[in-house]
């Protein structure tokens, strides 16, 4: 499989972490949004996953579900439909930056789903990493100690260590950042 994008993008990092957690081999093809053609992705944005059959998949939430289907273990979505919906709702909140609901969810247990690492935890940590690298919300951590603790646990995992964004993350224009956040 090929993953097209840059680790500077939290959505690309989210998919990379999921691939690594599921031990699915992939190659990262470095590209930023403005270099993606609509032939590769009709949305014109990263990430794009090209599977073994050469088909491209382009929405991060749908890619995450596809990977869950492709490699069920370790499960990053609970088997229970209500729990899975809650995880997807937290992941959607994370994709839109932090909120009080995420802080409360992190405060309730080790993971947002309480019993297992999930797509929501991965999405939250990737977005927090993006916020920190880009300095989008200075001092956000003061009001979110549970999210800080959760992010610290996740950032110590090999999958997150292997997907660190470049230290000099000048790969996105201000317009692209504004459109993503």
C-alpha atoms as a PDB file:
ATOM      1  CA  UNK A   1       0.000   0.000   0.000  1.00  0.00           C
ATOM      2  CA  UNK A   2       1.020   3.586  -0.549  1.00  0.00           C
ATOM      3  CA  UNK A   3       0.027   6.491   1.656  1.00  0.00           C
ATOM      4  CA  UNK A   4       0.266   9.881  -0.007  1.00  0.00           C
ATOM      5  CA  UNK A   5       0.729  12.933   2.188  1.00  0.00           C
ATOM      6  CA  UNK A   6       2.983  14.422   4.830  1.00  0.00           C
ATOM      7  CA  UNK A   7       3.346  13.730   8.547  1.00  0.00           C
ATOM      8  CA  UNK A   8       2.869  17.460   9.021  1.00  0.00           C
ATOM      9  CA  UNK A   9      -0.804  16.770   8.331  1.00  0.00           C
ATOM     10  CA  UNK A  10      -2.582  15.250  11.362  1.00  0.00           C
ATOM     11  CA  UNK A  11      -4.882  13.232   9.094  1.00  0.00           C
ATOM     12  CA  UNK A  12      -1.947  11.600   7.286  1.00  0.00           C
ATOM     13  CA  UNK A  13      -0.275  10.912  10.619  1.00  0.00           C
ATOM     14  CA  UNK A  14      -3.516   9.383  11.943  1.00  0.00           C
ATOM     15  CA  UNK A  15      -3.648   6.916   9.043  1.00  0.00           C
ATOM     16  CA  UNK A  16       0.090   6.162   9.371  1.00  0.00           C
ATOM     17  CA  UNK A  17      -0.303   5.382  13.066  1.00  0.00           C
ATOM     18  CA  UNK A  18      -3.252   3.096  12.341  1.00  0.00           C
ATOM     19  CA  UNK A  19      -1.248   1.274   9.644  1.00  0.00           C
ATOM     20  CA  UNK A  20       1.663   0.827  12.064  1.00  0.00           C
ATOM     21  CA  UNK A  21      -0.561  -0.282  14.955  1.00  0.00           C
ATOM     22  CA  UNK A  22      -2.105  -2.900  12.651  1.00  0.00           C
ATOM     23  CA  UNK A  23       1.309  -3.969  11.299  1.00  0.00           C
ATOM     24  CA  UNK A  24       0.224  -3.237   7.731  1.00  0.00           C
ATOM     25  CA  UNK A  25       3.197  -2.473   5.470  1.00  0.00           C
ATOM     26  CA  UNK A  26       3.022   0.781   3.534  1.00  0.00           C
ATOM     27  CA  UNK A  27       5.191   3.314   1.788  1.00  0.00           C
ATOM     28  CA  UNK A  28       4.776   7.012   2.506  1.00  0.00           C
ATOM     29  CA  UNK A  29       4.842   9.067  -0.686  1.00  0.00           C
ATOM     30  CA  UNK A  30       5.562  12.613   0.429  1.00  0.00           C
ATOM     31  CA  UNK A  31       3.166  15.172  -1.017  1.00  0.00           C
ATOM     32  CA  UNK A  32       1.315  18.222   0.216  1.00  0.00           C
ATOM     33  CA  UNK A  33      -2.249  19.149  -0.644  1.00  0.00           C
ATOM     34  CA  UNK A  34      -1.456  21.560  -3.438  1.00  0.00           C
ATOM     35  CA  UNK A  35       0.526  18.868  -5.285  1.00  0.00           C
ATOM     36  CA  UNK A  36      -2.310  16.304  -5.331  1.00  0.00           C
ATOM     37  CA  UNK A  37      -4.235  16.115  -8.555  1.00  0.00           C
ATOM     38  CA  UNK A  38      -7.935  15.410  -8.617  1.00  0.00           C
ATOM     39  CA  UNK A  39      -7.088  12.270 -10.586  1.00  0.00           C
ATOM     40  CA  UNK A  40      -5.489  10.864  -7.412  1.00  0.00           C
ATOM     41  CA  UNK A  41      -8.073  12.315  -5.051  1.00  0.00           C
ATOM     42  CA  UNK A  42     -11.250  14.117  -6.147  1.00  0.00           C
ATOM     43  CA  UNK A  43     -11.068  16.075  -2.874  1.00  0.00           C
ATOM     44  CA  UNK A  44      -7.571  17.312  -3.755  1.00  0.00           C
ATOM     45  CA  UNK A  45      -6.321  16.764  -0.199  1.00  0.00           C
ATOM     46  CA  UNK A  46      -4.216  14.332   1.799  1.00  0.00           C
ATOM     47  CA  UNK A  47      -4.244  11.592   2.865  1.00  0.00           C
ATOM     48  CA  UNK A  48      -4.749   9.256  -0.031  1.00  0.00           C
ATOM     49  CA  UNK A  49      -4.303   5.531   0.467  1.00  0.00           C
ATOM     50  CA  UNK A  50      -3.638   3.425  -2.614  1.00  0.00           C
ATOM     51  CA  UNK A  51      -4.435  -0.185  -1.795  1.00  0.00           C
ATOM     52  CA  UNK A  52      -2.905  -3.384  -3.176  1.00  0.00           C
ATOM     53  CA  UNK A  53      -5.402  -3.385  -6.065  1.00  0.00           C
ATOM     54  CA  UNK A  54      -4.397   0.153  -7.070  1.00  0.00           C
ATOM     55  CA  UNK A  55      -7.633   1.766  -5.875  1.00  0.00           C
ATOM     56  CA  UNK A  56      -7.338   5.092  -4.092  1.00  0.00           C
ATOM     57  CA  UNK A  57      -9.205   5.962  -0.911  1.00  0.00           C
ATOM     58  CA  UNK A  58      -9.278   9.563   0.188  1.00  0.00           C
ATOM     59  CA  UNK A  59     -11.227  10.463   3.316  1.00  0.00           C
ATOM     60  CA  UNK A  60      -9.343   9.830   6.590  1.00  0.00           C
ATOM     61  CA  UNK A  61     -12.381   8.462   8.450  1.00  0.00           C
ATOM     62  CA  UNK A  62     -13.240   6.106   5.598  1.00  0.00           C
ATOM     63  CA  UNK A  63      -9.619   5.018   5.252  1.00  0.00           C
ATOM     64  CA  UNK A  64      -9.566   4.222   8.981  1.00  0.00           C
ATOM     65  CA  UNK A  65     -12.693   2.081   8.608  1.00  0.00           C
ATOM     66  CA  UNK A  66     -11.253   0.328   5.562  1.00  0.00           C
ATOM     67  CA  UNK A  67      -8.072  -0.520   7.498  1.00  0.00           C
ATOM     68  CA  UNK A  68     -10.167  -1.843  10.386  1.00  0.00           C
ATOM     69  CA  UNK A  69     -11.984  -4.101   7.944  1.00  0.00           C
ATOM     70  CA  UNK A  70      -8.766  -5.129   6.175  1.00  0.00           C
ATOM     71  CA  UNK A  71      -6.908  -6.005   9.395  1.00  0.00           C
ATOM     72  CA  UNK A  72      -9.333  -6.569  12.292  1.00  0.00           C
ATOM     73  CA  UNK A  73      -6.598  -7.135  14.908  1.00  0.00           C
ATOM     74  CA  UNK A  74      -5.689  -5.230  16.893  1.00  0.00           C
ATOM     75  CA  UNK A  75      -9.168  -3.739  16.866  1.00  0.00           C
ATOM     76  CA  UNK A  76      -9.235   0.058  16.948  1.00  0.00           C
ATOM     77  CA  UNK A  77     -13.034   0.172  16.863  1.00  0.00           C
ATOM     78  CA  UNK A  78     -15.110  -1.624  19.480  1.00  0.00           C
ATOM     79  CA  UNK A  79     -17.346  -4.488  18.349  1.00  0.00           C
ATOM     80  CA  UNK A  80     -20.348  -2.985  20.153  1.00  0.00           C
ATOM     81  CA  UNK A  81     -22.193  -0.600  17.812  1.00  0.00           C
ATOM     82  CA  UNK A  82     -22.850   2.060  20.482  1.00  0.00           C
ATOM     83  CA  UNK A  83     -19.239   2.028  21.666  1.00  0.00           C
ATOM     84  CA  UNK A  84     -18.029   2.188  18.050  1.00  0.00           C
ATOM     85  CA  UNK A  85     -20.291   5.170  17.391  1.00  0.00           C
ATOM     86  CA  UNK A  86     -18.935   6.936  20.489  1.00  0.00           C
ATOM     87  CA  UNK A  87     -15.348   6.317  19.314  1.00  0.00           C
ATOM     88  CA  UNK A  88     -16.200   7.707  15.864  1.00  0.00           C
ATOM     89  CA  UNK A  89     -17.833  10.768  17.442  1.00  0.00           C
ATOM     90  CA  UNK A  90     -14.703  11.441  19.534  1.00  0.00           C
ATOM     91  CA  UNK A  91     -12.533  10.986  16.451  1.00  0.00           C
ATOM     92  CA  UNK A  92     -14.720  13.511  14.601  1.00  0.00           C
ATOM     93  CA  UNK A  93     -14.365  15.960  17.507  1.00  0.00           C
ATOM     94  CA  UNK A  94     -10.598  15.506  17.400  1.00  0.00           C
ATOM     95  CA  UNK A  95     -10.522  16.170  13.679  1.00  0.00           C
ATOM     96  CA  UNK A  96     -12.093  19.549  14.494  1.00  0.00           C
ATOM     97  CA  UNK A  97      -9.559  20.339  17.288  1.00  0.00           C
ATOM     98  CA  UNK A  98      -9.944  19.952  21.061  1.00  0.00           C
ATOM     99  CA  UNK A  99     -13.103  20.382  23.057  1.00  0.00           C
ATOM    100  CA  UNK A 100     -14.305  20.088  26.634  1.00  0.00           C
ATOM    101  CA  UNK A 101     -15.963  16.781  25.720  1.00  0.00           C
ATOM    102  CA  UNK A 102     -12.586  15.308  24.752  1.00  0.00           C
ATOM    103  CA  UNK A 103     -11.081  16.440  28.050  1.00  0.00           C
ATOM    104  CA  UNK A 104     -13.919  14.796  29.965  1.00  0.00           C
ATOM    105  CA  UNK A 105     -13.601  11.594  27.923  1.00  0.00           C
ATOM    106  CA  UNK A 106      -9.839  11.447  28.552  1.00  0.00           C
ATOM    107  CA  UNK A 107     -10.379  12.062  32.271  1.00  0.00           C
ATOM    108  CA  UNK A 108     -12.695   9.043  32.532  1.00  0.00           C
ATOM    109  CA  UNK A 109     -10.085   6.428  31.656  1.00  0.00           C
ATOM    110  CA  UNK A 110      -6.780   5.509  30.094  1.00  0.00           C
ATOM    111  CA  UNK A 111      -8.328   5.609  26.608  1.00  0.00           C
ATOM    112  CA  UNK A 112     -11.360   7.460  25.276  1.00  0.00           C
ATOM    113  CA  UNK A 113     -13.056   4.093  24.874  1.00  0.00           C
ATOM    114  CA  UNK A 114     -11.851   3.150  28.397  1.00  0.00           C
ATOM    115  CA  UNK A 115     -10.963  -0.458  27.540  1.00  0.00           C
ATOM    116  CA  UNK A 116      -8.782  -0.257  24.427  1.00  0.00           C
ATOM    117  CA  UNK A 117      -6.770   1.988  22.157  1.00  0.00           C
ATOM    118  CA  UNK A 118      -9.123   3.291  19.481  1.00  0.00           C
ATOM    119  CA  UNK A 119      -9.282   5.404  16.366  1.00  0.00           C
ATOM    120  CA  UNK A 120     -10.482   8.257  18.605  1.00  0.00           C
ATOM    121  CA  UNK A 121      -7.302   8.151  20.720  1.00  0.00           C
ATOM    122  CA  UNK A 122      -5.167   8.166  17.575  1.00  0.00           C
ATOM    123  CA  UNK A 123      -7.133  11.092  16.081  1.00  0.00           C
ATOM    124  CA  UNK A 124      -6.923  13.126  19.299  1.00  0.00           C
ATOM    125  CA  UNK A 125      -3.182  12.608  19.706  1.00  0.00           C
ATOM    126  CA  UNK A 126      -2.465  13.452  16.056  1.00  0.00           C
ATOM    127  CA  UNK A 127      -4.495  16.648  16.291  1.00  0.00           C
ATOM    128  CA  UNK A 128      -2.798  17.644  19.566  1.00  0.00           C
ATOM    129  CA  UNK A 129       0.581  17.064  17.952  1.00  0.00           C
ATOM    130  CA  UNK A 130      -0.477  19.262  15.039  1.00  0.00           C
ATOM    131  CA  UNK A 131      -1.684  22.011  17.396  1.00  0.00           C
ATOM    132  CA  UNK A 132       1.627  21.913  19.237  1.00  0.00           C
ATOM    133  CA  UNK A 133       3.840  21.901  16.135  1.00  0.00           C
ATOM    134  CA  UNK A 134       1.895  24.744  14.504  1.00  0.00           C
ATOM    135  CA  UNK A 135       1.311  26.615  17.797  1.00  0.00           C
ATOM    136  CA  UNK A 136      -2.339  27.099  16.865  1.00  0.00           C
ATOM    137  CA  UNK A 137      -3.704  27.272  20.411  1.00  0.00           C
ATOM    138  CA  UNK A 138      -1.040  28.533  22.829  1.00  0.00           C
ATOM    139  CA  UNK A 139      -1.481  27.228  26.379  1.00  0.00           C
ATOM    140  CA  UNK A 140      -4.311  24.839  25.419  1.00  0.00           C
ATOM    141  CA  UNK A 141      -2.789  22.271  27.755  1.00  0.00           C
ATOM    142  CA  UNK A 142      -3.468  24.347  30.877  1.00  0.00           C
ATOM    143  CA  UNK A 143      -7.198  23.599  30.717  1.00  0.00           C
ATOM    144  CA  UNK A 144      -6.790  20.013  29.453  1.00  0.00           C
ATOM    145  CA  UNK A 145      -4.554  17.986  31.836  1.00  0.00           C
ATOM    146  CA  UNK A 146      -6.282  14.671  31.037  1.00  0.00           C
ATOM    147  CA  UNK A 147      -5.674  15.170  27.300  1.00  0.00           C
ATOM    148  CA  UNK A 148      -2.033  16.018  28.027  1.00  0.00           C
ATOM    149  CA  UNK A 149      -1.637  12.795  30.042  1.00  0.00           C
ATOM    150  CA  UNK A 150      -3.332  10.743  27.316  1.00  0.00           C
ATOM    151  CA  UNK A 151      -1.195  12.345  24.599  1.00  0.00           C
ATOM    152  CA  UNK A 152       1.977  11.648  26.605  1.00  0.00           C
ATOM    153  CA  UNK A 153       1.026   7.953  26.823  1.00  0.00           C
ATOM    154  CA  UNK A 154       0.317   7.790  23.102  1.00  0.00           C
ATOM    155  CA  UNK A 155       3.397   9.720  22.009  1.00  0.00           C
ATOM    156  CA  UNK A 156       5.547   7.116  23.759  1.00  0.00           C
ATOM    157  CA  UNK A 157       4.184   4.371  21.449  1.00  0.00           C
ATOM    158  CA  UNK A 158       6.435   3.302  18.569  1.00  0.00           C
ATOM    159  CA  UNK A 159       3.752   4.112  15.981  1.00  0.00           C
ATOM    160  CA  UNK A 160       3.723   7.757  17.073  1.00  0.00           C
ATOM    161  CA  UNK A 161       7.501   7.994  17.398  1.00  0.00           C
ATOM    162  CA  UNK A 162       7.870   6.743  13.813  1.00  0.00           C
ATOM    163  CA  UNK A 163       5.440   9.346  12.457  1.00  0.00           C
ATOM    164  CA  UNK A 164       6.785  12.526  14.003  1.00  0.00           C
ATOM    165  CA  UNK A 165       6.231  15.498  11.704  1.00  0.00           C
ATOM    166  CA  UNK A 166       9.313  17.381  10.515  1.00  0.00           C
ATOM    167  CA  UNK A 167      10.633  19.861  13.071  1.00  0.00           C
ATOM    168  CA  UNK A 168      10.470  22.658  10.534  1.00  0.00           C
ATOM    169  CA  UNK A 169       6.899  22.141   9.433  1.00  0.00           C
ATOM    170  CA  UNK A 170       6.649  24.785   6.750  1.00  0.00           C
ATOM    171  CA  UNK A 171       4.955  22.398   4.359  1.00  0.00           C
ATOM    172  CA  UNK A 172       1.488  23.946   4.494  1.00  0.00           C
ATOM    173  CA  UNK A 173       0.417  27.425   3.583  1.00  0.00           C
ATOM    174  CA  UNK A 174      -1.690  29.430   6.042  1.00  0.00           C
ATOM    175  CA  UNK A 175      -4.713  28.925   3.760  1.00  0.00           C
ATOM    176  CA  UNK A 176      -4.332  25.149   3.909  1.00  0.00           C
ATOM    177  CA  UNK A 177      -4.031  25.225   7.699  1.00  0.00           C
ATOM    178  CA  UNK A 178      -7.111  27.433   8.000  1.00  0.00           C
ATOM    179  CA  UNK A 179      -9.064  25.058   5.769  1.00  0.00           C
ATOM    180  CA  UNK A 180      -8.016  22.023   7.856  1.00  0.00           C
ATOM    181  CA  UNK A 181      -8.700  23.434  11.313  1.00  0.00           C
END
